[in-house]
N, C-alpha and C. Protein backbone atom coordinates (compact mmCIF):
# COMPACT_ATOMS: atom_id res chain seq x y z
N UNK A 1 137.31 82.96 75.43
CA UNK A 1 136.24 83.15 76.35
C UNK A 1 136.62 84.04 77.57
N UNK A 2 137.83 84.02 78.21
CA UNK A 2 138.30 84.79 79.13
C UNK A 2 138.24 86.12 79.10
N UNK A 3 138.74 86.58 77.76
CA UNK A 3 138.64 87.89 77.35
C UNK A 3 137.34 88.44 77.01
N UNK A 4 136.33 87.84 77.02
CA UNK A 4 134.88 88.08 76.89
C UNK A 4 134.25 88.69 78.27
N UNK A 5 134.92 87.83 79.43
CA UNK A 5 134.58 87.94 80.53
C UNK A 5 135.05 89.31 80.94
N UNK A 6 136.47 89.25 80.75
CA UNK A 6 137.10 90.83 81.19
C UNK A 6 136.65 91.81 80.67
N UNK A 7 136.50 91.60 79.44
CA UNK A 7 135.70 92.89 78.72
C UNK A 7 134.55 93.26 79.29
N UNK A 8 133.29 92.33 79.55
CA UNK A 8 132.29 92.39 79.94
C UNK A 8 132.38 93.24 81.49
N UNK A 9 133.45 92.75 82.53
CA UNK A 9 133.82 93.10 83.56
C UNK A 9 134.11 94.64 83.36
N UNK A 10 134.81 95.06 82.58
CA UNK A 10 135.63 96.51 82.55
C UNK A 10 134.28 97.20 82.21
N UNK A 11 133.47 96.76 81.25
CA UNK A 11 132.19 97.76 80.83
C UNK A 11 131.26 97.86 81.93
N UNK A 12 131.08 97.04 82.59
CA UNK A 12 130.07 97.02 83.75
C UNK A 12 131.02 98.00 85.11
N UNK A 13 132.02 97.77 84.70
CA UNK A 13 132.85 98.97 85.96
C UNK A 13 132.45 100.29 85.45
N UNK A 14 132.96 100.65 84.10
CA UNK A 14 132.66 101.71 83.69
C UNK A 14 131.02 102.25 83.67
N UNK A 15 130.39 101.77 83.49
CA UNK A 15 128.84 101.86 83.54
C UNK A 15 128.56 102.30 84.99
N UNK A 16 128.90 101.63 85.99
CA UNK A 16 128.74 101.63 87.46
C UNK A 16 129.43 102.89 87.68
N UNK A 17 130.42 103.58 87.53
CA UNK A 17 130.81 104.76 87.48
C UNK A 17 130.59 106.09 86.99
N UNK A 18 129.74 105.66 85.98
CA UNK A 18 129.01 106.99 85.54
C UNK A 18 127.98 108.12 86.33
N UNK A 19 128.17 109.03 86.18
CA UNK A 19 127.49 109.71 87.16
C UNK A 19 125.84 110.42 86.33
N UNK A 20 124.93 110.19 87.06
CA UNK A 20 123.61 111.02 86.31
C UNK A 20 123.23 111.79 87.34
N UNK A 21 123.09 113.27 86.95
CA UNK A 21 122.77 114.24 87.60
C UNK A 21 121.17 114.19 88.05
N UNK A 22 120.99 114.04 89.54
CA UNK A 22 119.94 114.41 89.80
C UNK A 22 119.34 115.91 89.69
N UNK A 23 118.25 116.06 89.33
CA UNK A 23 117.92 117.39 89.37
C UNK A 23 116.46 117.65 90.13
N UNK A 24 116.39 118.19 91.47
CA UNK A 24 115.15 118.09 92.08
C UNK A 24 113.99 118.79 91.66
N UNK A 25 114.58 119.74 90.58
CA UNK A 25 113.54 120.52 89.89
C UNK A 25 112.81 120.21 88.49
N UNK A 26 113.36 118.92 88.24
CA UNK A 26 113.00 118.26 87.02
C UNK A 26 111.43 117.98 87.21
N UNK A 27 110.73 118.18 86.30
CA UNK A 27 109.24 117.70 86.25
C UNK A 27 109.19 116.67 85.24
N UNK A 28 107.93 116.08 85.78
CA UNK A 28 107.36 115.01 84.87
C UNK A 28 106.00 115.38 84.15
N UNK A 29 105.81 114.56 83.22
CA UNK A 29 104.64 115.05 82.37
C UNK A 29 103.14 114.33 83.21
N UNK A 30 102.16 114.65 82.80
CA UNK A 30 101.01 113.92 83.12
C UNK A 30 100.59 112.59 82.99
N UNK A 31 100.97 112.45 81.83
CA UNK A 31 100.79 110.87 81.33
C UNK A 31 101.77 110.23 82.20
N UNK A 32 103.03 110.75 82.25
CA UNK A 32 104.10 109.42 83.08
C UNK A 32 103.52 109.29 84.39
N UNK A 33 103.26 110.61 84.94
CA UNK A 33 102.70 110.26 86.58
C UNK A 33 101.52 109.75 86.60
N UNK A 34 100.57 109.81 85.63
CA UNK A 34 99.37 108.62 85.70
C UNK A 34 100.01 107.61 85.57
N UNK A 35 100.68 107.13 84.85
CA UNK A 35 101.57 105.82 84.70
C UNK A 35 101.85 105.16 85.84
N UNK A 36 102.37 106.07 86.56
CA UNK A 36 103.26 105.74 87.47
C UNK A 36 102.24 105.68 88.73
N UNK A 37 101.41 106.15 88.81
CA UNK A 37 100.35 105.80 89.87
C UNK A 37 99.67 104.45 89.43
N UNK A 38 99.35 104.17 88.25
CA UNK A 38 98.84 102.97 87.79
C UNK A 38 99.50 101.69 88.32
N UNK A 39 101.11 102.00 88.00
CA UNK A 39 102.04 101.22 88.41
C UNK A 39 101.87 100.87 89.67
N UNK A 40 102.05 101.73 90.61
CA UNK A 40 101.80 101.64 92.19
C UNK A 40 100.73 101.16 92.71
N UNK A 41 99.50 101.70 92.03
CA UNK A 41 98.24 100.69 92.41
C UNK A 41 98.13 99.41 92.23
N UNK A 42 98.67 98.89 90.80
CA UNK A 42 98.52 97.67 90.36
C UNK A 42 99.63 96.55 91.83
N UNK A 43 100.95 97.28 91.51
CA UNK A 43 101.47 96.75 92.42
C UNK A 43 101.10 96.41 93.52
N UNK A 44 100.37 97.46 94.45
CA UNK A 44 99.88 96.97 95.88
C UNK A 44 98.85 96.35 95.80
N UNK A 45 98.02 96.19 94.74
CA UNK A 45 96.80 95.27 94.56
C UNK A 45 96.97 93.88 94.40
N UNK A 46 98.12 93.59 93.72
CA UNK A 46 98.48 92.30 93.32
C UNK A 46 99.68 91.89 94.34
N UNK A 47 100.39 92.55 95.16
CA UNK A 47 101.54 92.22 95.99
C UNK A 47 101.25 92.44 97.47
N UNK A 48 100.26 93.38 97.87
CA UNK A 48 100.44 93.55 99.18
C UNK A 48 99.31 92.37 100.04
N UNK A 49 99.74 91.70 100.84
CA UNK A 49 98.99 90.83 101.55
C UNK A 49 97.76 91.24 102.38
N UNK A 50 97.90 92.31 102.98
CA UNK A 50 96.89 93.14 104.08
C UNK A 50 96.25 94.30 103.25
N UNK A 51 96.33 94.76 102.16
CA UNK A 51 96.01 95.87 101.48
C UNK A 51 94.70 96.41 102.37
N UNK A 52 93.42 95.83 102.27
CA UNK A 52 92.44 96.40 102.85
C UNK A 52 91.94 95.75 104.26
N UNK A 53 92.90 95.64 104.95
CA UNK A 53 92.64 95.11 106.30
C UNK A 53 92.23 96.39 107.26
N UNK A 54 92.81 97.60 106.81
CA UNK A 54 92.35 98.69 107.88
C UNK A 54 91.70 99.72 106.87
N UNK A 55 91.59 99.60 105.75
CA UNK A 55 90.90 100.54 104.69
C UNK A 55 90.12 99.88 104.06
N UNK A 56 88.61 100.01 103.84
CA UNK A 56 87.96 99.30 102.97
C UNK A 56 88.36 99.32 101.20
N UNK A 57 88.38 98.42 100.75
CA UNK A 57 88.52 98.55 99.33
C UNK A 57 88.08 99.76 98.44
N UNK A 58 86.50 99.90 98.96
CA UNK A 58 85.89 101.12 98.17
C UNK A 58 86.41 102.22 98.78
N UNK A 59 86.87 102.53 99.84
CA UNK A 59 87.50 103.68 100.02
C UNK A 59 89.00 104.05 99.54
N UNK A 60 89.56 102.79 99.47
CA UNK A 60 90.77 103.09 98.73
C UNK A 60 90.74 103.16 97.37
N UNK A 61 89.99 102.88 96.77
CA UNK A 61 89.62 102.80 95.21
C UNK A 61 89.44 104.32 95.01
N UNK A 62 88.32 105.00 96.15
CA UNK A 62 88.00 106.13 96.01
C UNK A 62 89.12 107.06 95.82
N UNK A 63 90.02 106.84 96.90
CA UNK A 63 91.23 107.74 97.15
C UNK A 63 92.56 107.74 95.85
N UNK A 64 92.46 106.45 95.29
CA UNK A 64 93.20 106.32 93.83
C UNK A 64 92.65 107.39 92.93
N UNK A 65 91.28 107.49 92.56
CA UNK A 65 90.42 107.76 91.71
C UNK A 65 90.78 109.38 91.84
N UNK A 66 90.57 109.64 93.43
CA UNK A 66 90.61 111.23 93.48
C UNK A 66 92.47 111.62 93.35
N UNK A 67 93.26 110.72 93.57
CA UNK A 67 94.51 111.11 93.42
C UNK A 67 94.89 111.38 91.96
N UNK A 68 94.44 110.28 91.11
CA UNK A 68 94.58 110.54 89.58
C UNK A 68 94.05 111.79 89.32
N UNK A 69 92.79 112.10 89.52
CA UNK A 69 92.10 113.21 89.17
C UNK A 69 92.91 114.82 89.41
N UNK A 70 93.52 114.62 90.69
CA UNK A 70 94.46 115.64 90.87
C UNK A 70 95.79 115.75 90.25
N UNK A 71 96.02 114.77 89.39
CA UNK A 71 97.39 115.06 88.71
C UNK A 71 96.82 115.73 87.33
N UNK A 72 96.99 117.01 87.10
CA UNK A 72 96.62 118.01 86.15
C UNK A 72 97.57 118.66 85.75
N UNK A 73 98.71 118.43 86.00
CA UNK A 73 99.91 119.55 85.55
C UNK A 73 101.34 118.36 85.96
N UNK A 74 102.40 118.97 84.98
CA UNK A 74 103.57 118.54 85.62
C UNK A 74 103.98 118.75 86.79
N UNK A 75 104.67 117.83 87.42
CA UNK A 75 105.24 118.13 88.86
C UNK A 75 106.30 117.47 88.75
N UNK A 76 107.16 117.87 90.16
CA UNK A 76 108.39 117.31 90.31
C UNK A 76 108.14 115.98 91.39
N UNK A 77 109.44 115.42 91.28
CA UNK A 77 109.20 113.90 91.87
C UNK A 77 108.70 114.15 93.27
N UNK A 78 109.15 115.48 94.28
CA UNK A 78 108.67 115.50 95.69
C UNK A 78 107.21 115.97 95.63
N UNK A 79 106.91 116.93 94.61
CA UNK A 79 105.43 117.20 94.61
C UNK A 79 104.35 115.94 94.79
N UNK A 80 104.93 114.91 93.68
CA UNK A 80 104.39 113.64 93.30
C UNK A 80 104.29 112.84 94.60
N UNK A 81 105.52 112.92 95.11
CA UNK A 81 105.47 112.08 96.67
C UNK A 81 104.54 112.59 97.61
N UNK A 82 104.64 113.65 97.53
CA UNK A 82 103.44 114.34 98.68
C UNK A 82 102.29 114.08 98.22
N UNK A 83 101.81 113.92 97.08
CA UNK A 83 100.50 113.45 97.00
C UNK A 83 99.70 112.03 96.96
N UNK A 84 101.33 111.11 96.90
CA UNK A 84 101.00 109.67 97.12
C UNK A 84 101.30 109.54 98.30
N UNK A 85 101.75 110.15 99.27
CA UNK A 85 101.51 109.89 100.99
C UNK A 85 100.44 109.65 101.43
N UNK A 86 99.54 110.30 101.29
CA UNK A 86 98.06 109.99 101.84
C UNK A 86 97.69 108.54 101.36
N UNK A 87 97.99 108.18 100.36
CA UNK A 87 97.42 106.75 99.77
C UNK A 87 98.25 105.79 100.55
N UNK A 88 99.44 106.04 100.78
CA UNK A 88 100.48 105.10 101.41
C UNK A 88 100.08 105.17 102.72
N UNK A 89 99.90 106.15 103.60
CA UNK A 89 99.27 106.09 104.95
C UNK A 89 97.90 105.33 105.10
N UNK A 90 96.97 105.31 104.14
CA UNK A 90 95.86 104.50 104.07
C UNK A 90 96.06 102.92 104.28
N UNK A 91 97.39 102.51 103.99
CA UNK A 91 97.53 101.01 103.80
C UNK A 91 97.87 100.47 105.48
N UNK A 92 98.27 101.62 106.12
CA UNK A 92 98.45 101.53 108.08
C UNK A 92 99.48 100.16 107.98
N UNK A 93 100.39 100.12 107.30
CA UNK A 93 101.45 99.31 106.97
C UNK A 93 102.79 99.56 107.32
N UNK A 94 103.41 99.03 108.33
CA UNK A 94 104.99 99.65 108.58
C UNK A 94 105.93 98.95 107.58
N UNK A 95 105.62 98.12 106.92
CA UNK A 95 106.45 97.91 105.67
C UNK A 95 106.14 98.93 104.52
N UNK A 96 104.92 99.50 104.18
CA UNK A 96 104.89 100.17 103.14
C UNK A 96 104.53 101.61 103.74
N UNK A 97 105.69 102.29 103.61
CA UNK A 97 105.65 103.60 104.36
C UNK A 97 106.33 104.70 103.92
N UNK A 98 106.03 105.74 104.14
CA UNK A 98 106.71 107.17 103.48
C UNK A 98 108.01 107.11 103.82
N UNK A 99 109.30 107.45 103.01
CA UNK A 99 110.02 107.91 103.40
C UNK A 99 110.89 108.98 102.64
N UNK A 100 111.64 109.75 103.10
CA UNK A 100 112.41 110.73 102.45
C UNK A 100 111.53 112.06 102.83
N UNK A 101 111.21 112.80 101.73
CA UNK A 101 110.45 114.17 101.62
C UNK A 101 109.84 114.53 102.90
């Protein structure tokens, strides 16, 4: 049993040390971007306590639909984030904010 623990610890350490190259120019397919947008929307709708305090549901739904329609070609993570920023701003919440780009 003790050997299994040490083996697990060694494997965990090795996997934590592996480097994954981040490539800012990497593009994501339209289907993946659409899926990510749906996940974001579902997460906000199910988990954000004040999602519609400052922006009415109809207006936010319309903005999500317009954003989904704007995803017509593959794009980078930064481009996708810039597309999502207006949606995040519409929530008007200090805990749900844009960072990075």
